[in-house]
Amino acid sequence: MIEWNIQSRAHACETCGQAFADEQAYYTVLFDERAGLRRQDICAACWGKDAQAGQLRESLISRWQGVYEAPPPRPLDPIQRDTAETLLRKLTQRNDPRHAPAAYILAVMLERKRLLKIKEQIEHDGRRVFIYEQPKTGDLFTIADPQLHLDQLAQVQHDVAHLLEHGLPADGAAEPPAPEPPAEPVTAIADSAPAPAFPEPPKEA
């Protein structure tokens, strides 16, 4: 079973080691290997050499071209309250199956707000897996479809709202149960939630 995770964009070509310059074009390739999905970021020059030499392996499942953006300076004051993106990062880093539905809903919310882009949809161990990219950082989020039913959406939406408001407990600490969902679903999240029975196809990168 594939683990959902984040794979950060490299700051240098993984073939020649040359650091990427701001606004430099590069290629991201995704390999399906025994240990899971693995990304490589390659400069255009090395990409051309590898393609001509036929060195792209059979395990390659996807590729796309991007433009490198130099990371901005770190803010002086860290954000205290969770946003949808920071919460999604925390959930994927913790990789707790209990939070898989919440991570999926957060990814859909961010994709609809154009803060994440779907780069690929694959089948892995009989499950759909979505590969999302954060355009500014180039980070990839691997999110498995939890196959939610309509009668589960209200509770998941409420769980997401509870996590955004109160945050995750310390790693290893027991999680207090979230309060029962209200009679009406949380509007801001409900408007962004997918209809699992009729999923939207991935958008063009």
N, C-alpha and C. Protein backbone atom coordinates (compact mmCIF):
# COMPACT_ATOMS: atom_id res chain seq x y z
N MET A 1 0.84 -1.19 0.00
CA MET A 1 0.00 0.00 0.00
C MET A 1 0.88 1.24 0.00
N ILE A 2 0.55 2.21 -0.85
CA ILE A 2 1.38 3.41 -0.97
C ILE A 2 1.13 4.33 0.22
N GLU A 3 2.21 4.98 0.70
CA GLU A 3 2.07 5.96 1.77
C GLU A 3 1.88 7.33 1.15
N TRP A 4 1.00 8.14 1.75
CA TRP A 4 0.83 9.50 1.27
C TRP A 4 1.91 10.35 1.92
N ASN A 5 2.54 11.22 1.13
CA ASN A 5 3.69 11.94 1.62
C ASN A 5 3.92 13.21 0.83
N ILE A 6 4.96 13.95 1.22
CA ILE A 6 5.41 15.13 0.49
C ILE A 6 6.80 14.85 -0.04
N GLN A 7 7.04 15.20 -1.29
CA GLN A 7 8.39 15.13 -1.85
C GLN A 7 8.75 16.52 -2.34
N SER A 8 9.73 17.13 -1.69
CA SER A 8 10.08 18.52 -1.99
C SER A 8 10.85 18.62 -3.30
N ARG A 9 10.69 19.77 -3.95
CA ARG A 9 11.44 20.05 -5.17
C ARG A 9 12.91 20.21 -4.84
N ALA A 10 13.77 19.65 -5.69
CA ALA A 10 15.21 19.79 -5.50
C ALA A 10 15.63 21.21 -5.89
N HIS A 11 16.72 21.68 -5.31
CA HIS A 11 17.25 23.00 -5.64
C HIS A 11 18.43 22.90 -6.60
N ALA A 12 18.73 21.69 -7.05
CA ALA A 12 19.79 21.46 -8.02
C ALA A 12 19.43 20.25 -8.86
N CYS A 13 19.99 20.18 -10.05
CA CYS A 13 19.75 19.04 -10.95
C CYS A 13 20.32 17.77 -10.32
N GLU A 14 19.51 16.71 -10.30
CA GLU A 14 19.95 15.47 -9.67
C GLU A 14 20.87 14.64 -10.58
N THR A 15 21.06 15.10 -11.82
CA THR A 15 21.98 14.40 -12.73
C THR A 15 23.38 15.04 -12.70
N CYS A 16 23.44 16.37 -12.89
CA CYS A 16 24.74 17.05 -12.96
C CYS A 16 25.10 17.80 -11.69
N GLY A 17 24.12 18.00 -10.80
CA GLY A 17 24.40 18.68 -9.54
C GLY A 17 24.40 20.20 -9.63
N GLN A 18 24.15 20.77 -10.81
CA GLN A 18 24.15 22.22 -10.97
C GLN A 18 22.93 22.83 -10.30
N ALA A 19 23.14 23.87 -9.49
CA ALA A 19 22.03 24.53 -8.80
C ALA A 19 21.11 25.20 -9.81
N PHE A 20 19.81 25.12 -9.56
CA PHE A 20 18.85 25.79 -10.43
C PHE A 20 18.88 27.30 -10.18
N ALA A 21 18.78 28.07 -11.26
CA ALA A 21 18.66 29.52 -11.15
C ALA A 21 17.18 29.90 -11.11
N ASP A 22 16.90 31.06 -10.57
CA ASP A 22 15.52 31.53 -10.50
C ASP A 22 14.94 31.61 -11.91
N GLU A 23 13.72 31.08 -12.08
CA GLU A 23 12.98 31.07 -13.35
C GLU A 23 13.63 30.16 -14.40
N GLN A 24 14.48 29.23 -13.97
CA GLN A 24 15.06 28.25 -14.91
C GLN A 24 14.08 27.11 -15.15
N ALA A 25 13.95 26.70 -16.39
CA ALA A 25 13.09 25.57 -16.73
C ALA A 25 13.77 24.27 -16.30
N TYR A 26 12.98 23.33 -15.84
CA TYR A 26 13.50 22.02 -15.44
C TYR A 26 12.40 20.98 -15.65
N TYR A 27 12.76 19.72 -15.55
CA TYR A 27 11.81 18.62 -15.71
C TYR A 27 11.69 17.85 -14.40
N THR A 28 10.47 17.49 -14.07
CA THR A 28 10.22 16.58 -12.95
C THR A 28 9.78 15.24 -13.53
N VAL A 29 10.41 14.16 -13.09
CA VAL A 29 10.04 12.82 -13.52
C VAL A 29 9.65 12.03 -12.28
N LEU A 30 8.67 11.15 -12.44
CA LEU A 30 8.14 10.37 -11.33
C LEU A 30 8.30 8.90 -11.67
N PHE A 31 8.94 8.16 -10.76
CA PHE A 31 9.19 6.73 -10.95
C PHE A 31 8.36 5.93 -9.96
N ASP A 32 7.82 4.80 -10.40
CA ASP A 32 7.10 3.87 -9.52
C ASP A 32 8.07 2.74 -9.19
N GLU A 33 8.59 2.77 -7.97
CA GLU A 33 9.57 1.79 -7.56
C GLU A 33 9.03 0.94 -6.43
N ARG A 34 9.76 -0.09 -6.08
CA ARG A 34 9.28 -1.05 -5.09
C ARG A 34 9.00 -0.38 -3.74
N ALA A 35 9.80 0.63 -3.40
CA ALA A 35 9.64 1.31 -2.12
C ALA A 35 8.57 2.40 -2.18
N GLY A 36 8.04 2.70 -3.36
CA GLY A 36 7.02 3.74 -3.51
C GLY A 36 7.35 4.66 -4.67
N LEU A 37 6.68 5.80 -4.72
CA LEU A 37 6.91 6.77 -5.77
C LEU A 37 8.14 7.61 -5.44
N ARG A 38 8.96 7.90 -6.45
CA ARG A 38 10.16 8.71 -6.25
C ARG A 38 10.26 9.73 -7.36
N ARG A 39 10.56 10.99 -6.99
CA ARG A 39 10.68 12.06 -7.97
C ARG A 39 12.15 12.38 -8.22
N GLN A 40 12.42 12.91 -9.40
CA GLN A 40 13.72 13.48 -9.74
C GLN A 40 13.46 14.79 -10.47
N ASP A 41 14.28 15.79 -10.16
CA ASP A 41 14.23 17.08 -10.86
C ASP A 41 15.52 17.24 -11.66
N ILE A 42 15.37 17.47 -12.96
CA ILE A 42 16.50 17.42 -13.89
C ILE A 42 16.50 18.69 -14.74
N CYS A 43 17.66 19.28 -14.94
CA CYS A 43 17.76 20.47 -15.78
C CYS A 43 17.49 20.09 -17.24
N ALA A 44 17.18 21.09 -18.05
CA ALA A 44 16.81 20.83 -19.44
C ALA A 44 17.95 20.20 -20.22
N ALA A 45 19.19 20.61 -19.94
CA ALA A 45 20.34 20.06 -20.68
C ALA A 45 20.49 18.56 -20.40
N CYS A 46 20.43 18.18 -19.13
CA CYS A 46 20.57 16.76 -18.78
C CYS A 46 19.38 15.96 -19.27
N TRP A 47 18.20 16.57 -19.24
CA TRP A 47 17.01 15.88 -19.74
C TRP A 47 17.18 15.53 -21.21
N GLY A 48 17.69 16.48 -22.00
CA GLY A 48 17.90 16.21 -23.42
C GLY A 48 18.90 15.10 -23.65
N LYS A 49 19.98 15.08 -22.88
CA LYS A 49 21.00 14.03 -23.02
C LYS A 49 20.44 12.66 -22.65
N ASP A 50 19.71 12.59 -21.52
CA ASP A 50 19.15 11.31 -21.09
C ASP A 50 18.12 10.78 -22.07
N ALA A 51 17.28 11.69 -22.59
CA ALA A 51 16.25 11.26 -23.54
C ALA A 51 16.88 10.72 -24.82
N GLN A 52 17.91 11.42 -25.32
CA GLN A 52 18.57 10.99 -26.54
C GLN A 52 19.32 9.68 -26.35
N ALA A 53 19.87 9.49 -25.14
CA ALA A 53 20.63 8.26 -24.87
C ALA A 53 19.73 7.10 -24.47
N GLY A 54 18.44 7.34 -24.35
CA GLY A 54 17.51 6.29 -23.96
C GLY A 54 17.67 5.82 -22.54
N GLN A 55 18.10 6.71 -21.66
CA GLN A 55 18.38 6.33 -20.28
C GLN A 55 17.18 6.49 -19.35
N LEU A 56 16.03 6.90 -19.88
CA LEU A 56 14.83 7.00 -19.05
C LEU A 56 14.28 5.60 -18.82
N ARG A 57 14.15 5.23 -17.57
CA ARG A 57 13.83 3.85 -17.23
C ARG A 57 12.36 3.52 -17.44
N GLU A 58 12.09 2.22 -17.50
CA GLU A 58 10.73 1.77 -17.74
C GLU A 58 9.81 2.11 -16.56
N SER A 59 10.38 2.30 -15.36
CA SER A 59 9.54 2.58 -14.20
C SER A 59 9.04 4.01 -14.17
N LEU A 60 9.43 4.83 -15.15
CA LEU A 60 8.92 6.20 -15.21
C LEU A 60 7.43 6.17 -15.52
N ILE A 61 6.65 6.85 -14.71
CA ILE A 61 5.20 6.84 -14.92
C ILE A 61 4.65 8.20 -15.33
N SER A 62 5.42 9.27 -15.09
CA SER A 62 4.94 10.59 -15.47
C SER A 62 6.11 11.56 -15.53
N ARG A 63 5.94 12.62 -16.30
CA ARG A 63 6.92 13.70 -16.36
C ARG A 63 6.20 14.99 -16.72
N TRP A 64 6.78 16.11 -16.29
CA TRP A 64 6.25 17.41 -16.68
C TRP A 64 7.36 18.45 -16.55
N GLN A 65 7.15 19.58 -17.20
CA GLN A 65 8.14 20.65 -17.16
C GLN A 65 7.67 21.72 -16.19
N GLY A 66 8.58 22.27 -15.44
CA GLY A 66 8.27 23.34 -14.51
C GLY A 66 9.27 24.47 -14.62
N VAL A 67 9.02 25.53 -13.87
CA VAL A 67 9.93 26.68 -13.81
C VAL A 67 10.32 26.87 -12.36
N TYR A 68 11.62 26.85 -12.08
CA TYR A 68 12.11 26.95 -10.71
C TYR A 68 11.92 28.36 -10.18
N GLU A 69 11.39 28.45 -8.97
CA GLU A 69 11.26 29.72 -8.28
C GLU A 69 12.13 29.68 -7.03
N ALA A 70 13.05 30.61 -6.93
CA ALA A 70 13.91 30.65 -5.76
C ALA A 70 13.06 30.82 -4.51
N PRO A 71 13.34 30.05 -3.44
CA PRO A 71 12.51 30.15 -2.23
C PRO A 71 12.59 31.53 -1.61
N PRO A 72 11.46 32.07 -1.14
CA PRO A 72 11.48 33.39 -0.49
C PRO A 72 12.13 33.29 0.88
N PRO A 73 12.58 34.41 1.44
CA PRO A 73 13.16 34.37 2.79
C PRO A 73 12.12 33.94 3.81
N ARG A 74 12.57 33.25 4.83
CA ARG A 74 11.65 32.78 5.87
C ARG A 74 11.06 33.96 6.63
N PRO A 75 9.76 33.92 6.95
CA PRO A 75 9.17 35.01 7.74
C PRO A 75 9.76 35.05 9.14
N LEU A 76 9.85 36.25 9.70
CA LEU A 76 10.41 36.39 11.03
C LEU A 76 9.53 35.74 12.09
N ASP A 77 8.23 35.89 11.94
CA ASP A 77 7.29 35.34 12.91
C ASP A 77 6.56 34.15 12.30
N PRO A 78 6.69 32.95 12.84
CA PRO A 78 5.96 31.80 12.28
C PRO A 78 4.45 31.96 12.46
N ILE A 79 3.71 31.40 11.51
CA ILE A 79 2.25 31.45 11.59
C ILE A 79 1.80 30.55 12.73
N GLN A 80 1.00 31.09 13.62
CA GLN A 80 0.56 30.33 14.78
C GLN A 80 -0.65 29.46 14.46
N ARG A 81 -1.61 30.02 13.74
CA ARG A 81 -2.84 29.30 13.46
C ARG A 81 -2.68 28.49 12.18
N ASP A 82 -3.18 27.25 12.19
CA ASP A 82 -3.06 26.41 11.00
C ASP A 82 -3.89 26.96 9.85
N THR A 83 -3.31 26.92 8.66
CA THR A 83 -4.07 27.12 7.44
C THR A 83 -4.30 25.75 6.82
N ALA A 84 -5.09 25.69 5.76
CA ALA A 84 -5.36 24.40 5.12
C ALA A 84 -4.07 23.76 4.62
N GLU A 85 -3.15 24.57 4.07
CA GLU A 85 -1.91 23.99 3.53
C GLU A 85 -0.98 23.52 4.64
N THR A 86 -0.81 24.33 5.71
CA THR A 86 0.08 23.88 6.79
C THR A 86 -0.48 22.65 7.49
N LEU A 87 -1.81 22.58 7.62
CA LEU A 87 -2.41 21.39 8.22
C LEU A 87 -2.20 20.18 7.33
N LEU A 88 -2.36 20.33 6.02
CA LEU A 88 -2.14 19.21 5.10
C LEU A 88 -0.69 18.73 5.21
N ARG A 89 0.26 19.64 5.31
CA ARG A 89 1.66 19.24 5.46
C ARG A 89 1.87 18.43 6.73
N LYS A 90 1.26 18.86 7.82
CA LYS A 90 1.41 18.15 9.08
C LYS A 90 0.78 16.75 9.00
N LEU A 91 -0.38 16.66 8.36
CA LEU A 91 -1.05 15.36 8.25
C LEU A 91 -0.23 14.40 7.40
N THR A 92 0.31 14.89 6.28
CA THR A 92 1.07 13.99 5.40
C THR A 92 2.39 13.57 6.06
N GLN A 93 2.99 14.46 6.83
CA GLN A 93 4.23 14.10 7.54
C GLN A 93 3.95 13.06 8.62
N ARG A 94 2.80 13.19 9.28
CA ARG A 94 2.47 12.21 10.32
C ARG A 94 2.02 10.89 9.71
N ASN A 95 1.36 10.93 8.55
CA ASN A 95 0.98 9.73 7.80
C ASN A 95 0.16 8.76 8.65
N ASP A 96 -0.81 9.28 9.37
CA ASP A 96 -1.70 8.48 10.20
C ASP A 96 -2.94 8.12 9.38
N PRO A 97 -3.23 6.83 9.16
CA PRO A 97 -4.40 6.46 8.35
C PRO A 97 -5.71 7.05 8.84
N ARG A 98 -5.78 7.38 10.13
CA ARG A 98 -7.02 7.97 10.66
C ARG A 98 -7.31 9.33 10.03
N HIS A 99 -6.25 10.00 9.56
CA HIS A 99 -6.42 11.33 9.00
C HIS A 99 -6.46 11.33 7.48
N ALA A 100 -6.50 10.16 6.85
CA ALA A 100 -6.50 10.10 5.38
C ALA A 100 -7.71 10.83 4.79
N PRO A 101 -8.94 10.66 5.32
CA PRO A 101 -10.06 11.42 4.75
C PRO A 101 -9.90 12.93 4.88
N ALA A 102 -9.38 13.40 6.02
CA ALA A 102 -9.18 14.84 6.22
C ALA A 102 -8.13 15.37 5.25
N ALA A 103 -7.05 14.61 5.03
CA ALA A 103 -6.02 15.04 4.09
C ALA A 103 -6.57 15.14 2.68
N TYR A 104 -7.42 14.20 2.32
CA TYR A 104 -8.02 14.21 0.98
C TYR A 104 -8.90 15.44 0.80
N ILE A 105 -9.75 15.76 1.80
CA ILE A 105 -10.63 16.91 1.72
C ILE A 105 -9.81 18.20 1.64
N LEU A 106 -8.74 18.30 2.44
CA LEU A 106 -7.89 19.48 2.41
C LEU A 106 -7.25 19.66 1.03
N ALA A 107 -6.77 18.57 0.43
CA ALA A 107 -6.15 18.65 -0.89
C ALA A 107 -7.15 19.14 -1.93
N VAL A 108 -8.39 18.65 -1.85
CA VAL A 108 -9.42 19.08 -2.79
C VAL A 108 -9.72 20.57 -2.60
N MET A 109 -9.82 21.01 -1.33
CA MET A 109 -10.05 22.43 -1.06
C MET A 109 -8.95 23.30 -1.68
N LEU A 110 -7.71 22.91 -1.47
CA LEU A 110 -6.58 23.70 -1.97
C LEU A 110 -6.50 23.66 -3.49
N GLU A 111 -6.87 22.53 -4.09
CA GLU A 111 -6.88 22.45 -5.56
C GLU A 111 -7.95 23.37 -6.14
N ARG A 112 -9.10 23.43 -5.49
CA ARG A 112 -10.17 24.29 -6.01
C ARG A 112 -9.87 25.77 -5.81
N LYS A 113 -9.02 26.08 -4.83
CA LYS A 113 -8.58 27.46 -4.64
C LYS A 113 -7.34 27.76 -5.46
N ARG A 114 -6.90 26.79 -6.28
CA ARG A 114 -5.74 26.92 -7.17
C ARG A 114 -4.44 27.12 -6.39
N LEU A 115 -4.40 26.59 -5.17
CA LEU A 115 -3.17 26.61 -4.40
C LEU A 115 -2.39 25.31 -4.59
N LEU A 116 -3.06 24.27 -5.06
CA LEU A 116 -2.42 23.03 -5.48
C LEU A 116 -2.90 22.70 -6.89
N LYS A 117 -2.07 21.97 -7.62
CA LYS A 117 -2.45 21.51 -8.95
C LYS A 117 -2.30 20.00 -9.02
N ILE A 118 -3.27 19.33 -9.64
CA ILE A 118 -3.14 17.90 -9.88
C ILE A 118 -2.21 17.68 -11.06
N LYS A 119 -1.11 16.97 -10.82
CA LYS A 119 -0.16 16.68 -11.89
C LYS A 119 -0.37 15.30 -12.49
N GLU A 120 -0.90 14.36 -11.70
CA GLU A 120 -1.05 12.99 -12.18
C GLU A 120 -2.08 12.25 -11.32
N GLN A 121 -2.75 11.30 -11.92
CA GLN A 121 -3.64 10.37 -11.21
C GLN A 121 -3.23 8.97 -11.62
N ILE A 122 -2.92 8.11 -10.64
CA ILE A 122 -2.47 6.76 -10.94
C ILE A 122 -3.27 5.75 -10.14
N GLU A 123 -3.19 4.49 -10.55
CA GLU A 123 -3.75 3.38 -9.80
C GLU A 123 -2.62 2.65 -9.10
N HIS A 124 -2.76 2.42 -7.79
CA HIS A 124 -1.72 1.74 -7.04
C HIS A 124 -2.38 0.81 -6.04
N ASP A 125 -2.12 -0.48 -6.15
CA ASP A 125 -2.72 -1.49 -5.28
C ASP A 125 -4.25 -1.39 -5.27
N GLY A 126 -4.81 -1.11 -6.46
CA GLY A 126 -6.26 -1.07 -6.59
C GLY A 126 -6.90 0.22 -6.09
N ARG A 127 -6.10 1.22 -5.75
CA ARG A 127 -6.64 2.49 -5.25
C ARG A 127 -6.17 3.63 -6.14
N ARG A 128 -7.01 4.66 -6.24
CA ARG A 128 -6.60 5.86 -6.95
C ARG A 128 -5.69 6.70 -6.06
N VAL A 129 -4.63 7.20 -6.66
CA VAL A 129 -3.69 8.06 -5.94
C VAL A 129 -3.51 9.33 -6.76
N PHE A 130 -3.65 10.49 -6.11
CA PHE A 130 -3.50 11.77 -6.77
C PHE A 130 -2.15 12.38 -6.40
N ILE A 131 -1.45 12.91 -7.40
CA ILE A 131 -0.19 13.60 -7.19
C ILE A 131 -0.47 15.10 -7.37
N TYR A 132 -0.41 15.84 -6.26
CA TYR A 132 -0.63 17.28 -6.28
C TYR A 132 0.71 18.00 -6.20
N GLU A 133 0.80 19.16 -6.86
CA GLU A 133 2.00 20.00 -6.76
C GLU A 133 1.63 21.36 -6.21
N GLN A 134 2.45 21.87 -5.29
CA GLN A 134 2.33 23.26 -4.84
C GLN A 134 3.18 24.09 -5.81
N PRO A 135 2.55 24.93 -6.66
CA PRO A 135 3.32 25.57 -7.74
C PRO A 135 4.47 26.43 -7.27
N LYS A 136 4.32 27.14 -6.16
CA LYS A 136 5.38 28.06 -5.73
C LYS A 136 6.60 27.33 -5.19
N THR A 137 6.38 26.26 -4.44
CA THR A 137 7.51 25.52 -3.84
C THR A 137 7.92 24.32 -4.66
N GLY A 138 7.02 23.82 -5.53
CA GLY A 138 7.31 22.60 -6.29
C GLY A 138 7.14 21.33 -5.50
N ASP A 139 6.69 21.42 -4.24
CA ASP A 139 6.49 20.23 -3.42
C ASP A 139 5.37 19.37 -3.98
N LEU A 140 5.56 18.05 -3.93
CA LEU A 140 4.53 17.10 -4.38
C LEU A 140 3.87 16.47 -3.17
N PHE A 141 2.54 16.39 -3.21
CA PHE A 141 1.76 15.73 -2.17
C PHE A 141 1.13 14.49 -2.78
N THR A 142 1.40 13.33 -2.22
CA THR A 142 0.81 12.07 -2.67
C THR A 142 -0.38 11.76 -1.78
N ILE A 143 -1.58 11.81 -2.34
CA ILE A 143 -2.81 11.65 -1.56
C ILE A 143 -3.64 10.51 -2.15
N ALA A 144 -3.89 9.48 -1.36
CA ALA A 144 -4.72 8.37 -1.80
C ALA A 144 -6.19 8.71 -1.62
N ASP A 145 -7.02 8.25 -2.54
CA ASP A 145 -8.47 8.44 -2.46
C ASP A 145 -9.02 7.54 -1.35
N PRO A 146 -9.60 8.13 -0.28
CA PRO A 146 -10.13 7.28 0.80
C PRO A 146 -11.48 6.66 0.48
N GLN A 147 -12.03 6.94 -0.72
CA GLN A 147 -13.29 6.35 -1.18
C GLN A 147 -14.42 6.65 -0.17
N LEU A 148 -14.60 7.94 0.10
CA LEU A 148 -15.63 8.37 1.03
C LEU A 148 -17.02 8.16 0.43
N HIS A 149 -17.97 7.83 1.30
CA HIS A 149 -19.37 7.77 0.91
C HIS A 149 -20.04 9.08 1.30
N LEU A 150 -21.15 9.39 0.64
CA LEU A 150 -21.84 10.65 0.90
C LEU A 150 -22.21 10.80 2.36
N ASP A 151 -22.59 9.71 3.02
CA ASP A 151 -23.01 9.82 4.42
C ASP A 151 -21.83 10.03 5.37
N GLN A 152 -20.58 9.99 4.85
CA GLN A 152 -19.41 10.24 5.69
C GLN A 152 -18.90 11.66 5.56
N LEU A 153 -19.35 12.40 4.55
CA LEU A 153 -18.77 13.71 4.26
C LEU A 153 -18.95 14.71 5.40
N ALA A 154 -20.15 14.76 5.99
CA ALA A 154 -20.42 15.76 7.03
C ALA A 154 -19.45 15.60 8.20
N GLN A 155 -19.21 14.34 8.61
CA GLN A 155 -18.31 14.12 9.73
C GLN A 155 -16.87 14.50 9.37
N VAL A 156 -16.42 14.15 8.15
CA VAL A 156 -15.06 14.48 7.74
C VAL A 156 -14.88 15.99 7.65
N GLN A 157 -15.88 16.68 7.09
CA GLN A 157 -15.82 18.13 7.00
C GLN A 157 -15.72 18.75 8.39
N HIS A 158 -16.47 18.20 9.33
CA HIS A 158 -16.43 18.71 10.69
C HIS A 158 -15.07 18.42 11.35
N ASP A 159 -14.51 17.25 11.07
CA ASP A 159 -13.18 16.91 11.60
C ASP A 159 -12.13 17.89 11.08
N VAL A 160 -12.22 18.25 9.79
CA VAL A 160 -11.27 19.19 9.20
C VAL A 160 -11.39 20.55 9.88
N ALA A 161 -12.61 21.02 10.08
CA ALA A 161 -12.82 22.30 10.75
C ALA A 161 -12.27 22.28 12.17
N HIS A 162 -12.44 21.14 12.86
CA HIS A 162 -11.94 21.00 14.23
C HIS A 162 -10.41 21.05 14.23
N LEU A 163 -9.76 20.38 13.27
CA LEU A 163 -8.30 20.37 13.19
C LEU A 163 -7.76 21.76 12.85
N LEU A 164 -8.44 22.48 11.95
CA LEU A 164 -8.01 23.83 11.60
C LEU A 164 -8.10 24.77 12.79
N GLU A 165 -9.12 24.58 13.60
CA GLU A 165 -9.34 25.45 14.75
C GLU A 165 -8.40 25.12 15.91
N HIS A 166 -8.21 23.82 16.19
CA HIS A 166 -7.48 23.41 17.40
C HIS A 166 -6.11 22.79 17.10
N GLY A 167 -5.83 22.45 15.84
CA GLY A 167 -4.55 21.87 15.50
C GLY A 167 -4.46 20.40 15.88
N LEU A 168 -3.33 19.79 15.49
CA LEU A 168 -3.08 18.40 15.82
C LEU A 168 -2.48 18.29 17.22
N PRO A 169 -2.83 17.25 17.97
CA PRO A 169 -2.15 17.03 19.26
C PRO A 169 -0.70 16.63 19.04
N ALA A 170 0.09 16.73 20.08
CA ALA A 170 1.49 16.35 19.99
C ALA A 170 1.61 14.92 19.50
N ASP A 171 2.63 14.66 18.71
CA ASP A 171 2.84 13.32 18.14
C ASP A 171 2.94 12.29 19.27
N GLY A 172 2.10 11.26 19.19
CA GLY A 172 2.10 10.21 20.20
C GLY A 172 1.07 10.43 21.29
N ALA A 173 0.53 11.66 21.40
CA ALA A 173 -0.48 11.92 22.42
C ALA A 173 -1.83 11.43 21.93
N ALA A 174 -2.67 11.06 22.88
CA ALA A 174 -4.01 10.61 22.53
C ALA A 174 -4.81 11.80 22.00
N GLU A 175 -5.55 11.58 20.92
CA GLU A 175 -6.33 12.65 20.33
C GLU A 175 -7.70 12.72 20.99
N PRO A 176 -8.08 13.91 21.50
CA PRO A 176 -9.41 14.03 22.08
C PRO A 176 -10.45 13.90 20.99
N PRO A 177 -11.60 13.27 21.29
CA PRO A 177 -12.62 13.12 20.26
C PRO A 177 -13.19 14.47 19.86
N ALA A 178 -13.39 14.65 18.56
CA ALA A 178 -14.00 15.89 18.08
C ALA A 178 -15.46 15.90 18.47
N PRO A 179 -16.02 17.08 18.73
CA PRO A 179 -17.44 17.14 19.07
C PRO A 179 -18.30 16.68 17.91
N GLU A 180 -19.53 16.34 18.23
CA GLU A 180 -20.45 15.86 17.19
C GLU A 180 -20.67 16.95 16.16
N PRO A 181 -20.81 16.58 14.88
CA PRO A 181 -21.00 17.59 13.84
C PRO A 181 -22.33 18.31 14.02
N PRO A 182 -22.39 19.60 13.61
CA PRO A 182 -23.65 20.32 13.69
C PRO A 182 -24.65 19.77 12.70
N ALA A 183 -25.89 20.22 12.86
CA ALA A 183 -26.96 19.75 11.97
C ALA A 183 -26.66 20.13 10.54
N GLU A 184 -26.08 21.34 10.32
CA GLU A 184 -25.71 21.77 8.99
C GLU A 184 -24.20 21.65 8.85
N PRO A 185 -23.68 21.13 7.73
CA PRO A 185 -22.23 21.03 7.56
C PRO A 185 -21.58 22.39 7.53
N VAL A 186 -20.28 22.43 7.86
CA VAL A 186 -19.55 23.68 7.83
C VAL A 186 -19.51 24.19 6.40
N THR A 187 -20.07 25.40 6.17
CA THR A 187 -20.31 25.86 4.80
C THR A 187 -19.03 26.01 4.02
N ALA A 188 -18.00 26.63 4.61
CA ALA A 188 -16.78 26.91 3.85
C ALA A 188 -16.14 25.63 3.35
N ILE A 189 -16.20 24.57 4.17
CA ILE A 189 -15.59 23.31 3.76
C ILE A 189 -16.54 22.52 2.88
N ALA A 190 -17.82 22.55 3.20
CA ALA A 190 -18.79 21.79 2.41
C ALA A 190 -18.79 22.25 0.97
N ASP A 191 -18.61 23.58 0.75
CA ASP A 191 -18.60 24.08 -0.62
C ASP A 191 -17.39 23.59 -1.39
N SER A 192 -16.33 23.23 -0.67
CA SER A 192 -15.11 22.79 -1.33
C SER A 192 -14.98 21.29 -1.41
N ALA A 193 -15.85 20.54 -0.72
CA ALA A 193 -15.72 19.09 -0.67
C ALA A 193 -16.16 18.45 -1.97
N PRO A 194 -15.54 17.33 -2.34
CA PRO A 194 -15.93 16.65 -3.58
C PRO A 194 -17.15 15.77 -3.36
N ALA A 195 -17.76 15.36 -4.43
CA ALA A 195 -18.78 14.32 -4.36
C ALA A 195 -18.07 13.02 -4.68
N PRO A 196 -17.72 12.19 -3.68
CA PRO A 196 -16.86 11.03 -3.92
C PRO A 196 -17.40 10.06 -4.93
N ALA A 197 -18.72 9.96 -5.05
CA ALA A 197 -19.27 8.99 -5.99
C ALA A 197 -19.03 9.41 -7.43
N PHE A 198 -18.83 10.73 -7.65
CA PHE A 198 -18.64 11.24 -8.99
C PHE A 198 -17.43 12.18 -8.99
N PRO A 199 -16.21 11.61 -8.85
CA PRO A 199 -15.02 12.46 -8.73
C PRO A 199 -14.74 13.23 -9.99
N GLU A 200 -14.15 14.43 -9.81
CA GLU A 200 -13.78 15.23 -10.94
C GLU A 200 -12.51 14.70 -11.57
N PRO A 201 -12.40 14.73 -12.88
CA PRO A 201 -11.14 14.28 -13.51
C PRO A 201 -10.04 15.27 -13.24
N PRO A 202 -8.78 14.82 -13.20
CA PRO A 202 -7.67 15.75 -12.99
C PRO A 202 -7.63 16.81 -14.06
N LYS A 203 -7.25 18.03 -13.66
CA LYS A 203 -7.12 19.12 -14.61
C LYS A 203 -5.78 19.03 -15.30
N GLU A 204 -5.71 19.68 -16.47
CA GLU A 204 -4.46 19.69 -17.20
C GLU A 204 -3.43 20.47 -16.42
N ALA A 205 -2.21 20.00 -16.39
CA ALA A 205 -1.15 20.71 -15.66
C ALA A 205 -0.86 22.03 -16.36
